[in-house]
Amino acid sequence: MGLMDDLTGALEKISTEAEKALNQGKAKVGQLQLERQMDAAARKVGYMELDRYRGRPVDDSARAELIYQMAGLEDQIAASQAAPAEETKTAEQTATPAEPAEPTQAPPAPGGPEGVA
């Protein structure tokens, strides 16, 4: 049954890696959506500043609200960038350790490294 155990282990590893890649992809999509929202808000603030420069009326409360939203989006983007690193560390810590490899050298003989005292 060693072959079946090997296949089962390999399939589990592939499944875990595929799930990890899928989660990373979802995280990246979410991060891109946040960045697009940030860009849209920044564009609106930029147009408001141009209006102000040209002497046109600007709704300061709307401008302040956009800047507040941008600060929140910036925090969310930073959190989404930090989250994958934390998930990777957690996954590595909870992974089942591999079986120890067989020693390649014989253990030292009793009485010291040289073997004879």
PDB file of N, CA and C in Angstrom:
ATOM      1  N   MET A   1       0.818  -1.198   0.000  1.00  0.00           N
ATOM      2  CA  MET A   1       0.000   0.000   0.000  1.00  0.00           C
ATOM      3  C   MET A   1       0.858   1.256   0.000  1.00  0.00           C
ATOM      4  N   GLY A   2       2.157   1.138  -0.048  1.00  0.00           N
ATOM      5  CA  GLY A   2       3.051   2.293  -0.027  1.00  0.00           C
ATOM      6  C   GLY A   2       2.793   3.232  -1.194  1.00  0.00           C
ATOM      7  N   LEU A   3       2.477   2.644  -2.365  1.00  0.00           N
ATOM      8  CA  LEU A   3       2.211   3.474  -3.538  1.00  0.00           C
ATOM      9  C   LEU A   3       0.948   4.309  -3.343  1.00  0.00           C
ATOM     10  N   MET A   4      -0.081   3.694  -2.778  1.00  0.00           N
ATOM     11  CA  MET A   4      -1.332   4.432  -2.532  1.00  0.00           C
ATOM     12  C   MET A   4      -1.111   5.543  -1.514  1.00  0.00           C
ATOM     13  N   ASP A   5      -0.316   5.272  -0.491  1.00  0.00           N
ATOM     14  CA  ASP A   5      -0.016   6.290   0.504  1.00  0.00           C
ATOM     15  C   ASP A   5       0.743   7.450  -0.132  1.00  0.00           C
ATOM     16  N   ASP A   6       1.699   7.116  -1.006  1.00  0.00           N
ATOM     17  CA  ASP A   6       2.461   8.148  -1.706  1.00  0.00           C
ATOM     18  C   ASP A   6       1.551   8.990  -2.590  1.00  0.00           C
ATOM     19  N   LEU A   7       0.638   8.330  -3.312  1.00  0.00           N
ATOM     20  CA  LEU A   7      -0.287   9.056  -4.183  1.00  0.00           C
ATOM     21  C   LEU A   7      -1.231   9.942  -3.374  1.00  0.00           C
ATOM     22  N   THR A   8      -1.724   9.408  -2.277  1.00  0.00           N
ATOM     23  CA  THR A   8      -2.624  10.185  -1.429  1.00  0.00           C
ATOM     24  C   THR A   8      -1.897  11.409  -0.879  1.00  0.00           C
ATOM     25  N   GLY A   9      -0.678  11.228  -0.437  1.00  0.00           N
ATOM     26  CA  GLY A   9       0.114  12.347   0.082  1.00  0.00           C
ATOM     27  C   GLY A   9       0.364  13.396  -0.991  1.00  0.00           C
ATOM     28  N   ALA A  10       0.677  12.933  -2.201  1.00  0.00           N
ATOM     29  CA  ALA A  10       0.936  13.861  -3.300  1.00  0.00           C
ATOM     30  C   ALA A  10      -0.330  14.629  -3.673  1.00  0.00           C
ATOM     31  N   LEU A  11      -1.459  13.935  -3.700  1.00  0.00           N
ATOM     32  CA  LEU A  11      -2.722  14.601  -4.024  1.00  0.00           C
ATOM     33  C   LEU A  11      -3.105  15.630  -2.957  1.00  0.00           C
ATOM     34  N   GLU A  12      -2.868  15.300  -1.702  1.00  0.00           N
ATOM     35  CA  GLU A  12      -3.150  16.252  -0.630  1.00  0.00           C
ATOM     36  C   GLU A  12      -2.273  17.495  -0.761  1.00  0.00           C
ATOM     37  N   LYS A  13      -1.013  17.281  -1.090  1.00  0.00           N
ATOM     38  CA  LYS A  13      -0.089  18.401  -1.264  1.00  0.00           C
ATOM     39  C   LYS A  13      -0.523  19.278  -2.438  1.00  0.00           C
ATOM     40  N   ILE A  14      -0.906  18.651  -3.534  1.00  0.00           N
ATOM     41  CA  ILE A  14      -1.369  19.404  -4.706  1.00  0.00           C
ATOM     42  C   ILE A  14      -2.624  20.186  -4.360  1.00  0.00           C
ATOM     43  N   SER A  15      -3.532  19.555  -3.641  1.00  0.00           N
ATOM     44  CA  SER A  15      -4.767  20.221  -3.236  1.00  0.00           C
ATOM     45  C   SER A  15      -4.480  21.425  -2.348  1.00  0.00           C
ATOM     46  N   THR A  16      -3.580  21.261  -1.411  1.00  0.00           N
ATOM     47  CA  THR A  16      -3.215  22.355  -0.512  1.00  0.00           C
ATOM     48  C   THR A  16      -2.587  23.506  -1.290  1.00  0.00           C
ATOM     49  N   GLU A  17      -1.695  23.194  -2.199  1.00  0.00           N
ATOM     50  CA  GLU A  17      -1.034  24.225  -3.000  1.00  0.00           C
ATOM     51  C   GLU A  17      -2.038  24.944  -3.902  1.00  0.00           C
ATOM     52  N   ALA A  18      -2.979  24.205  -4.479  1.00  0.00           N
ATOM     53  CA  ALA A  18      -3.994  24.825  -5.338  1.00  0.00           C
ATOM     54  C   ALA A  18      -4.886  25.755  -4.528  1.00  0.00           C
ATOM     55  N   GLU A  19      -5.260  25.319  -3.339  1.00  0.00           N
ATOM     56  CA  GLU A  19      -6.097  26.164  -2.471  1.00  0.00           C
ATOM     57  C   GLU A  19      -5.339  27.424  -2.062  1.00  0.00           C
ATOM     58  N   LYS A  20      -4.058  27.274  -1.777  1.00  0.00           N
ATOM     59  CA  LYS A  20      -3.225  28.421  -1.403  1.00  0.00           C
ATOM     60  C   LYS A  20      -3.134  29.413  -2.574  1.00  0.00           C
ATOM     61  N   ALA A  21      -2.936  28.906  -3.777  1.00  0.00           N
ATOM     62  CA  ALA A  21      -2.856  29.774  -4.957  1.00  0.00           C
ATOM     63  C   ALA A  21      -4.187  30.477  -5.212  1.00  0.00           C
ATOM     64  N   LEU A  22      -5.289  29.770  -5.024  1.00  0.00           N
ATOM     65  CA  LEU A  22      -6.611  30.365  -5.201  1.00  0.00           C
ATOM     66  C   LEU A  22      -6.834  31.484  -4.191  1.00  0.00           C
ATOM     67  N   ASN A  23      -6.469  31.252  -2.945  1.00  0.00           N
ATOM     68  CA  ASN A  23      -6.621  32.280  -1.916  1.00  0.00           C
ATOM     69  C   ASN A  23      -5.752  33.495  -2.208  1.00  0.00           C
ATOM     70  N   GLN A  24      -4.551  33.267  -2.718  1.00  0.00           N
ATOM     71  CA  GLN A  24      -3.673  34.381  -3.080  1.00  0.00           C
ATOM     72  C   GLN A  24      -4.281  35.182  -4.231  1.00  0.00           C
ATOM     73  N   GLY A  25      -4.880  34.481  -5.187  1.00  0.00           N
ATOM     74  CA  GLY A  25      -5.525  35.167  -6.308  1.00  0.00           C
ATOM     75  C   GLY A  25      -6.699  36.009  -5.846  1.00  0.00           C
ATOM     76  N   LYS A  26      -7.508  35.462  -4.945  1.00  0.00           N
ATOM     77  CA  LYS A  26      -8.643  36.213  -4.410  1.00  0.00           C
ATOM     78  C   LYS A  26      -8.163  37.451  -3.660  1.00  0.00           C
ATOM     79  N   ALA A  27      -7.102  37.295  -2.893  1.00  0.00           N
ATOM     80  CA  ALA A  27      -6.560  38.430  -2.144  1.00  0.00           C
ATOM     81  C   ALA A  27      -6.060  39.511  -3.099  1.00  0.00           C
ATOM     82  N   LYS A  28      -5.421  39.098  -4.175  1.00  0.00           N
ATOM     83  CA  LYS A  28      -4.898  40.067  -5.152  1.00  0.00           C
ATOM     84  C   LYS A  28      -6.039  40.804  -5.844  1.00  0.00           C
ATOM     85  N   VAL A  29      -7.112  40.101  -6.187  1.00  0.00           N
ATOM     86  CA  VAL A  29      -8.276  40.742  -6.812  1.00  0.00           C
ATOM     87  C   VAL A  29      -8.878  41.765  -5.858  1.00  0.00           C
ATOM     88  N   GLY A  30      -9.020  41.398  -4.594  1.00  0.00           N
ATOM     89  CA  GLY A  30      -9.555  42.324  -3.599  1.00  0.00           C
ATOM     90  C   GLY A  30      -8.675  43.551  -3.456  1.00  0.00           C
ATOM     91  N   GLN A  31      -7.367  43.348  -3.468  1.00  0.00           N
ATOM     92  CA  GLN A  31      -6.433  44.462  -3.355  1.00  0.00           C
ATOM     93  C   GLN A  31      -6.543  45.381  -4.573  1.00  0.00           C
ATOM     94  N   LEU A  32      -6.671  44.809  -5.763  1.00  0.00           N
ATOM     95  CA  LEU A  32      -6.813  45.627  -6.973  1.00  0.00           C
ATOM     96  C   LEU A  32      -8.105  46.446  -6.944  1.00  0.00           C
ATOM     97  N   GLN A  33      -9.188  45.863  -6.419  1.00  0.00           N
ATOM     98  CA  GLN A  33     -10.435  46.608  -6.305  1.00  0.00           C
ATOM     99  C   GLN A  33     -10.276  47.794  -5.363  1.00  0.00           C
ATOM    100  N   LEU A  34      -9.589  47.588  -4.254  1.00  0.00           N
ATOM    101  CA  LEU A  34      -9.342  48.688  -3.319  1.00  0.00           C
ATOM    102  C   LEU A  34      -8.496  49.784  -3.969  1.00  0.00           C
ATOM    103  N   GLU A  35      -7.497  49.370  -4.737  1.00  0.00           N
ATOM    104  CA  GLU A  35      -6.644  50.352  -5.412  1.00  0.00           C
ATOM    105  C   GLU A  35      -7.434  51.145  -6.456  1.00  0.00           C
ATOM    106  N   ARG A  36      -8.344  50.512  -7.159  1.00  0.00           N
ATOM    107  CA  ARG A  36      -9.178  51.227  -8.129  1.00  0.00           C
ATOM    108  C   ARG A  36     -10.083  52.236  -7.430  1.00  0.00           C
ATOM    109  N   GLN A  37     -10.653  51.838  -6.286  1.00  0.00           N
ATOM    110  CA  GLN A  37     -11.485  52.772  -5.523  1.00  0.00           C
ATOM    111  C   GLN A  37     -10.644  53.965  -5.058  1.00  0.00           C
ATOM    112  N   MET A  38      -9.422  53.699  -4.631  1.00  0.00           N
ATOM    113  CA  MET A  38      -8.511  54.758  -4.186  1.00  0.00           C
ATOM    114  C   MET A  38      -8.191  55.691  -5.353  1.00  0.00           C
ATOM    115  N   ASP A  39      -7.917  55.140  -6.515  1.00  0.00           N
ATOM    116  CA  ASP A  39      -7.615  55.959  -7.688  1.00  0.00           C
ATOM    117  C   ASP A  39      -8.799  56.834  -8.085  1.00  0.00           C
ATOM    118  N   ALA A  40     -10.000  56.284  -8.024  1.00  0.00           N
ATOM    119  CA  ALA A  40     -11.194  57.057  -8.374  1.00  0.00           C
ATOM    120  C   ALA A  40     -11.388  58.218  -7.404  1.00  0.00           C
ATOM    121  N   ALA A  41     -11.205  57.959  -6.115  1.00  0.00           N
ATOM    122  CA  ALA A  41     -11.348  59.024  -5.120  1.00  0.00           C
ATOM    123  C   ALA A  41     -10.263  60.083  -5.312  1.00  0.00           C
ATOM    124  N   ALA A  42      -9.046  59.651  -5.582  1.00  0.00           N
ATOM    125  CA  ALA A  42      -7.950  60.595  -5.800  1.00  0.00           C
ATOM    126  C   ALA A  42      -8.214  61.455  -7.040  1.00  0.00           C
ATOM    127  N   ARG A  43      -8.754  60.859  -8.071  1.00  0.00           N
ATOM    128  CA  ARG A  43      -9.089  61.607  -9.286  1.00  0.00           C
ATOM    129  C   ARG A  43     -10.123  62.688  -8.975  1.00  0.00           C
ATOM    130  N   LYS A  44     -11.148  62.338  -8.195  1.00  0.00           N
ATOM    131  CA  LYS A  44     -12.188  63.305  -7.836  1.00  0.00           C
ATOM    132  C   LYS A  44     -11.604  64.454  -7.014  1.00  0.00           C
ATOM    133  N   VAL A  45     -10.733  64.131  -6.057  1.00  0.00           N
ATOM    134  CA  VAL A  45     -10.095  65.175  -5.252  1.00  0.00           C
ATOM    135  C   VAL A  45      -9.232  66.061  -6.144  1.00  0.00           C
ATOM    136  N   GLY A  46      -8.561  65.455  -7.088  1.00  0.00           N
ATOM    137  CA  GLY A  46      -7.733  66.232  -8.020  1.00  0.00           C
ATOM    138  C   GLY A  46      -8.569  67.201  -8.838  1.00  0.00           C
ATOM    139  N   TYR A  47      -9.719  66.760  -9.331  1.00  0.00           N
ATOM    140  CA  TYR A  47     -10.602  67.659 -10.071  1.00  0.00           C
ATOM    141  C   TYR A  47     -11.124  68.779  -9.178  1.00  0.00           C
ATOM    142  N   MET A  48     -11.407  68.459  -7.916  1.00  0.00           N
ATOM    143  CA  MET A  48     -11.859  69.490  -6.990  1.00  0.00           C
ATOM    144  C   MET A  48     -10.773  70.539  -6.770  1.00  0.00           C
ATOM    145  N   GLU A  49      -9.541  70.085  -6.676  1.00  0.00           N
ATOM    146  CA  GLU A  49      -8.432  71.023  -6.500  1.00  0.00           C
ATOM    147  C   GLU A  49      -8.252  71.896  -7.744  1.00  0.00           C
ATOM    148  N   LEU A  50      -8.430  71.316  -8.903  1.00  0.00           N
ATOM    149  CA  LEU A  50      -8.356  72.106 -10.134  1.00  0.00           C
ATOM    150  C   LEU A  50      -9.468  73.150 -10.153  1.00  0.00           C
ATOM    151  N   ASP A  51     -10.672  72.729  -9.758  1.00  0.00           N
ATOM    152  CA  ASP A  51     -11.779  73.683  -9.682  1.00  0.00           C
ATOM    153  C   ASP A  51     -11.437  74.822  -8.722  1.00  0.00           C
ATOM    154  N   ARG A  52     -10.896  74.488  -7.577  1.00  0.00           N
ATOM    155  CA  ARG A  52     -10.526  75.512  -6.600  1.00  0.00           C
ATOM    156  C   ARG A  52      -9.471  76.449  -7.188  1.00  0.00           C
ATOM    157  N   TYR A  53      -8.491  75.899  -7.883  1.00  0.00           N
ATOM    158  CA  TYR A  53      -7.430  76.698  -8.498  1.00  0.00           C
ATOM    159  C   TYR A  53      -8.014  77.650  -9.545  1.00  0.00           C
ATOM    160  N   ARG A  54      -9.009  77.176 -10.274  1.00  0.00           N
ATOM    161  CA  ARG A  54      -9.642  77.995 -11.319  1.00  0.00           C
ATOM    162  C   ARG A  54     -10.671  78.982 -10.755  1.00  0.00           C
ATOM    163  N   GLY A  55     -10.896  78.927  -9.458  1.00  0.00           N
ATOM    164  CA  GLY A  55     -11.844  79.846  -8.847  1.00  0.00           C
ATOM    165  C   GLY A  55     -13.274  79.366  -8.839  1.00  0.00           C
ATOM    166  N   ARG A  56     -13.487  78.116  -9.155  1.00  0.00           N
ATOM    167  CA  ARG A  56     -14.834  77.548  -9.138  1.00  0.00           C
ATOM    168  C   ARG A  56     -15.177  77.106  -7.715  1.00  0.00           C
ATOM    169  N   PRO A  57     -16.466  77.069  -7.398  1.00  0.00           N
ATOM    170  CA  PRO A  57     -16.847  76.653  -6.037  1.00  0.00           C
ATOM    171  C   PRO A  57     -16.571  75.154  -5.833  1.00  0.00           C
ATOM    172  N   VAL A  58     -16.108  74.835  -4.632  1.00  0.00           N
ATOM    173  CA  VAL A  58     -15.803  73.447  -4.264  1.00  0.00           C
ATOM    174  C   VAL A  58     -16.526  73.142  -2.957  1.00  0.00           C
ATOM    175  N   ASP A  59     -17.184  71.999  -2.928  1.00  0.00           N
ATOM    176  CA  ASP A  59     -17.858  71.550  -1.705  1.00  0.00           C
ATOM    177  C   ASP A  59     -16.789  70.940  -0.786  1.00  0.00           C
ATOM    178  N   ASP A  60     -16.399  71.717   0.229  1.00  0.00           N
ATOM    179  CA  ASP A  60     -15.332  71.274   1.124  1.00  0.00           C
ATOM    180  C   ASP A  60     -15.711  70.031   1.924  1.00  0.00           C
ATOM    181  N   SER A  61     -16.979  69.872   2.259  1.00  0.00           N
ATOM    182  CA  SER A  61     -17.381  68.682   3.015  1.00  0.00           C
ATOM    183  C   SER A  61     -17.268  67.422   2.137  1.00  0.00           C
ATOM    184  N   ALA A  62     -17.594  67.543   0.853  1.00  0.00           N
ATOM    185  CA  ALA A  62     -17.460  66.405  -0.062  1.00  0.00           C
ATOM    186  C   ALA A  62     -15.982  66.067  -0.255  1.00  0.00           C
ATOM    187  N   ARG A  63     -15.154  67.106  -0.356  1.00  0.00           N
ATOM    188  CA  ARG A  63     -13.704  66.905  -0.498  1.00  0.00           C
ATOM    189  C   ARG A  63     -13.148  66.212   0.747  1.00  0.00           C
ATOM    190  N   ALA A  64     -13.560  66.677   1.923  1.00  0.00           N
ATOM    191  CA  ALA A  64     -13.091  66.077   3.170  1.00  0.00           C
ATOM    192  C   ALA A  64     -13.545  64.618   3.277  1.00  0.00           C
ATOM    193  N   GLU A  65     -14.764  64.326   2.854  1.00  0.00           N
ATOM    194  CA  GLU A  65     -15.274  62.961   2.887  1.00  0.00           C
ATOM    195  C   GLU A  65     -14.461  62.053   1.962  1.00  0.00           C
ATOM    196  N   LEU A  66     -14.111  62.546   0.778  1.00  0.00           N
ATOM    197  CA  LEU A  66     -13.295  61.752  -0.142  1.00  0.00           C
ATOM    198  C   LEU A  66     -11.917  61.470   0.453  1.00  0.00           C
ATOM    199  N   ILE A  67     -11.331  62.475   1.078  1.00  0.00           N
ATOM    200  CA  ILE A  67     -10.011  62.283   1.683  1.00  0.00           C
ATOM    201  C   ILE A  67     -10.098  61.288   2.840  1.00  0.00           C
ATOM    202  N   TYR A  68     -11.177  61.363   3.612  1.00  0.00           N
ATOM    203  CA  TYR A  68     -11.397  60.408   4.693  1.00  0.00           C
ATOM    204  C   TYR A  68     -11.526  58.986   4.124  1.00  0.00           C
ATOM    205  N   GLN A  69     -12.272  58.844   3.037  1.00  0.00           N
ATOM    206  CA  GLN A  69     -12.421  57.532   2.391  1.00  0.00           C
ATOM    207  C   GLN A  69     -11.071  57.023   1.891  1.00  0.00           C
ATOM    208  N   MET A  70     -10.275  57.931   1.335  1.00  0.00           N
ATOM    209  CA  MET A  70      -8.958  57.534   0.828  1.00  0.00           C
ATOM    210  C   MET A  70      -8.065  57.021   1.954  1.00  0.00           C
ATOM    211  N   ALA A  71      -8.130  57.665   3.116  1.00  0.00           N
ATOM    212  CA  ALA A  71      -7.332  57.217   4.259  1.00  0.00           C
ATOM    213  C   ALA A  71      -7.764  55.803   4.675  1.00  0.00           C
ATOM    214  N   GLY A  72      -9.060  55.561   4.690  1.00  0.00           N
ATOM    215  CA  GLY A  72      -9.561  54.223   5.021  1.00  0.00           C
ATOM    216  C   GLY A  72      -9.147  53.185   3.998  1.00  0.00           C
ATOM    217  N   LEU A  73      -9.221  53.548   2.719  1.00  0.00           N
ATOM    218  CA  LEU A  73      -8.805  52.631   1.656  1.00  0.00           C
ATOM    219  C   LEU A  73      -7.319  52.326   1.755  1.00  0.00           C
ATOM    220  N   GLU A  74      -6.543  53.358   2.072  1.00  0.00           N
ATOM    221  CA  GLU A  74      -5.102  53.162   2.219  1.00  0.00           C
ATOM    222  C   GLU A  74      -4.805  52.159   3.339  1.00  0.00           C
ATOM    223  N   ASP A  75      -5.535  52.268   4.450  1.00  0.00           N
ATOM    224  CA  ASP A  75      -5.370  51.322   5.555  1.00  0.00           C
ATOM    225  C   ASP A  75      -5.768  49.903   5.122  1.00  0.00           C
ATOM    226  N   GLN A  76      -6.857  49.784   4.366  1.00  0.00           N
ATOM    227  CA  GLN A  76      -7.307  48.467   3.905  1.00  0.00           C
ATOM    228  C   GLN A  76      -6.296  47.847   2.952  1.00  0.00           C
ATOM    229  N   ILE A  77      -5.707  48.674   2.086  1.00  0.00           N
ATOM    230  CA  ILE A  77      -4.697  48.171   1.144  1.00  0.00           C
ATOM    231  C   ILE A  77      -3.485  47.667   1.910  1.00  0.00           C
ATOM    232  N   ALA A  78      -3.041  48.436   2.897  1.00  0.00           N
ATOM    233  CA  ALA A  78      -1.889  48.016   3.700  1.00  0.00           C
ATOM    234  C   ALA A  78      -2.189  46.708   4.434  1.00  0.00           C
ATOM    235  N   ALA A  79      -3.404  46.586   4.960  1.00  0.00           N
ATOM    236  CA  ALA A  79      -3.783  45.351   5.665  1.00  0.00           C
ATOM    237  C   ALA A  79      -3.835  44.174   4.703  1.00  0.00           C
ATOM    238  N   SER A  80      -4.333  44.403   3.491  1.00  0.00           N
ATOM    239  CA  SER A  80      -4.423  43.298   2.536  1.00  0.00           C
ATOM    240  C   SER A  80      -3.047  42.863   2.055  1.00  0.00           C
ATOM    241  N   GLN A  81      -2.085  43.782   2.053  1.00  0.00           N
ATOM    242  CA  GLN A  81      -0.725  43.413   1.669  1.00  0.00           C
ATOM    243  C   GLN A  81      -0.031  42.646   2.777  1.00  0.00           C
ATOM    244  N   ALA A  82      -0.368  42.951   4.015  1.00  0.00           N
ATOM    245  CA  ALA A  82       0.253  42.258   5.145  1.00  0.00           C
ATOM    246  C   ALA A  82      -0.372  40.894   5.377  1.00  0.00           C
ATOM    247  N   ALA A  83      -1.646  40.723   5.047  1.00  0.00           N
ATOM    248  CA  ALA A  83      -2.359  39.475   5.331  1.00  0.00           C
ATOM    249  C   ALA A  83      -1.742  38.261   4.646  1.00  0.00           C
ATOM    250  N   PRO A  84      -1.378  38.301   3.359  1.00  0.00           N
ATOM    251  CA  PRO A  84      -0.792  37.104   2.744  1.00  0.00           C
ATOM    252  C   PRO A  84       0.509  36.663   3.416  1.00  0.00           C
ATOM    253  N   ALA A  85       1.310  37.618   3.876  1.00  0.00           N
ATOM    254  CA  ALA A  85       2.552  37.251   4.549  1.00  0.00           C
ATOM    255  C   ALA A  85       2.252  36.527   5.855  1.00  0.00           C
ATOM    256  N   GLU A  86       1.257  36.988   6.590  1.00  0.00           N
ATOM    257  CA  GLU A  86       0.874  36.335   7.836  1.00  0.00           C
ATOM    258  C   GLU A  86       0.302  34.944   7.573  1.00  0.00           C
ATOM    259  N   GLU A  87      -0.509  34.802   6.507  1.00  0.00           N
ATOM    260  CA  GLU A  87      -1.093  33.502   6.182  1.00  0.00           C
ATOM    261  C   GLU A  87      -0.006  32.506   5.809  1.00  0.00           C
ATOM    262  N   THR A  88       1.015  32.972   5.098  1.00  0.00           N
ATOM    263  CA  THR A  88       2.107  32.094   4.707  1.00  0.00           C
ATOM    264  C   THR A  88       2.853  31.611   5.931  1.00  0.00           C
ATOM    265  N   LYS A  89       3.136  32.531   6.874  1.00  0.00           N
ATOM    266  CA  LYS A  89       3.837  32.142   8.098  1.00  0.00           C
ATOM    267  C   LYS A  89       3.008  31.137   8.887  1.00  0.00           C
ATOM    268  N   THR A  90       1.710  31.388   8.999  1.00  0.00           N
ATOM    269  CA  THR A  90       0.826  30.500   9.741  1.00  0.00           C
ATOM    270  C   THR A  90       0.773  29.128   9.084  1.00  0.00           C
ATOM    271  N   ALA A  91       0.661  29.102   7.764  1.00  0.00           N
ATOM    272  CA  ALA A  91       0.587  27.832   7.043  1.00  0.00           C
ATOM    273  C   ALA A  91       1.874  27.036   7.221  1.00  0.00           C
ATOM    274  N   GLU A  92       3.013  27.720   7.201  1.00  0.00           N
ATOM    275  CA  GLU A  92       4.279  27.022   7.373  1.00  0.00           C
ATOM    276  C   GLU A  92       4.410  26.465   8.784  1.00  0.00           C
ATOM    277  N   GLN A  93       3.882  27.198   9.768  1.00  0.00           N
ATOM    278  CA  GLN A  93       3.995  26.746  11.151  1.00  0.00           C
ATOM    279  C   GLN A  93       3.054  25.576  11.442  1.00  0.00           C
ATOM    280  N   THR A  94       1.906  25.540  10.783  1.00  0.00           N
ATOM    281  CA  THR A  94       0.935  24.481  11.061  1.00  0.00           C
ATOM    282  C   THR A  94       1.095  23.279  10.145  1.00  0.00           C
ATOM    283  N   ALA A  95       1.951  23.363   9.158  1.00  0.00           N
ATOM    284  CA  ALA A  95       2.152  22.242   8.242  1.00  0.00           C
ATOM    285  C   ALA A  95       2.736  21.065   9.013  1.00  0.00           C
ATOM    286  N   THR A  96       2.346  19.886   8.595  1.00  0.00           N
ATOM    287  CA  THR A  96       2.877  18.708   9.267  1.00  0.00           C
ATOM    288  C   THR A  96       4.330  18.541   8.866  1.00  0.00           C
ATOM    289  N   PRO A  97       5.182  18.328   9.829  1.00  0.00           N
ATOM    290  CA  PRO A  97       6.598  18.202   9.494  1.00  0.00           C
ATOM    291  C   PRO A  97       6.857  16.923   8.717  1.00  0.00           C
ATOM    292  N   ALA A  98       7.810  16.998   7.831  1.00  0.00           N
ATOM    293  CA  ALA A  98       8.186  15.826   7.047  1.00  0.00           C
ATOM    294  C   ALA A  98       8.898  14.839   7.960  1.00  0.00           C
ATOM    295  N   GLU A  99       8.883  13.594   7.546  1.00  0.00           N
ATOM    296  CA  GLU A  99       9.579  12.591   8.334  1.00  0.00           C
ATOM    297  C   GLU A  99      11.064  12.886   8.283  1.00  0.00           C
ATOM    298  N   PRO A 100      11.757  12.714   9.397  1.00  0.00           N
ATOM    299  CA  PRO A 100      13.189  13.015   9.396  1.00  0.00           C
ATOM    300  C   PRO A 100      13.930  12.094   8.436  1.00  0.00           C
ATOM    301  N   ALA A 101      14.899  12.673   7.784  1.00  0.00           N
ATOM    302  CA  ALA A 101      15.692  11.898   6.843  1.00  0.00           C
ATOM    303  C   ALA A 101      16.624  10.969   7.613  1.00  0.00           C
ATOM    304  N   GLU A 102      16.979   9.893   6.966  1.00  0.00           N
ATOM    305  CA  GLU A 102      17.924   8.965   7.578  1.00  0.00           C
ATOM    306  C   GLU A 102      19.270   9.658   7.679  1.00  0.00           C
ATOM    307  N   PRO A 103      19.983   9.463   8.771  1.00  0.00           N
ATOM    308  CA  PRO A 103      21.296  10.100   8.887  1.00  0.00           C
ATOM    309  C   PRO A 103      22.228   9.580   7.798  1.00  0.00           C
ATOM    310  N   THR A 104      23.026  10.502   7.260  1.00  0.00           N
ATOM    311  CA  THR A 104      23.950  10.109   6.186  1.00  0.00           C
ATOM    312  C   THR A 104      25.271   9.643   6.745  1.00  0.00           C
ATOM    313  N   GLN A 105      25.548   9.979   8.019  1.00  0.00           N
ATOM    314  CA  GLN A 105      26.791   9.549   8.634  1.00  0.00           C
ATOM    315  C   GLN A 105      26.458   8.707   9.854  1.00  0.00           C
ATOM    316  N   ALA A 106      27.367   7.831  10.182  1.00  0.00           N
ATOM    317  CA  ALA A 106      27.193   7.015  11.384  1.00  0.00           C
ATOM    318  C   ALA A 106      27.375   7.911  12.599  1.00  0.00           C
ATOM    319  N   PRO A 107      26.651   7.637  13.675  1.00  0.00           N
ATOM    320  CA  PRO A 107      26.845   8.443  14.880  1.00  0.00           C
ATOM    321  C   PRO A 107      28.260   8.270  15.409  1.00  0.00           C
ATOM    322  N   PRO A 108      28.745   9.273  16.145  1.00  0.00           N
ATOM    323  CA  PRO A 108      30.116   9.158  16.662  1.00  0.00           C
ATOM    324  C   PRO A 108      30.231   7.996  17.650  1.00  0.00           C
ATOM    325  N   ALA A 109      31.382   7.396  17.640  1.00  0.00           N
ATOM    326  CA  ALA A 109      31.625   6.264  18.540  1.00  0.00           C
ATOM    327  C   ALA A 109      31.745   6.783  19.976  1.00  0.00           C
ATOM    328  N   PRO A 110      31.426   5.942  20.938  1.00  0.00           N
ATOM    329  CA  PRO A 110      31.546   6.375  22.330  1.00  0.00           C
ATOM    330  C   PRO A 110      32.984   6.769  22.658  1.00  0.00           C
ATOM    331  N   GLY A 111      33.096   7.786  23.529  1.00  0.00           N
ATOM    332  CA  GLY A 111      34.425   8.174  23.963  1.00  0.00           C
ATOM    333  C   GLY A 111      34.939   9.413  23.241  1.00  0.00           C
ATOM    334  N   GLY A 112      34.126  10.082  22.418  1.00  0.00           N
ATOM    335  CA  GLY A 112      34.565  11.314  21.766  1.00  0.00           C
ATOM    336  C   GLY A 112      34.463  11.228  20.277  1.00  0.00           C
ATOM    337  N   PRO A 113      34.735  12.331  19.597  1.00  0.00           N
ATOM    338  CA  PRO A 113      34.599  12.370  18.157  1.00  0.00           C
ATOM    339  C   PRO A 113      35.573  11.450  17.436  1.00  0.00           C
ATOM    340  N   GLU A 114      36.731  11.206  18.011  1.00  0.00           N
ATOM    341  CA  GLU A 114      37.699  10.361  17.332  1.00  0.00           C
ATOM    342  C   GLU A 114      37.378   8.883  17.493  1.00  0.00           C
ATOM    343  N   GLY A 115      36.560   8.571  18.479  1.00  0.00           N
ATOM    344  CA  GLY A 115      36.151   7.188  18.683  1.00  0.00           C
ATOM    345  C   GLY A 115      36.980   6.459  19.712  1.00  0.00           C
ATOM    346  N   VAL A 116      38.253   6.782  19.851  1.00  0.00           N
ATOM    347  CA  VAL A 116      39.108   6.115  20.820  1.00  0.00           C
ATOM    348  C   VAL A 116      39.729   7.178  21.682  1.00  0.00           C
ATOM    349  N   ALA A 117      39.686   6.966  22.994  1.00  0.00           N
ATOM    350  CA  ALA A 117      40.252   7.962  23.906  1.00  0.00           C
ATOM    351  C   ALA A 117      41.687   7.691  24.175  1.00  0.00           C
TER     352      ALA A 117
END
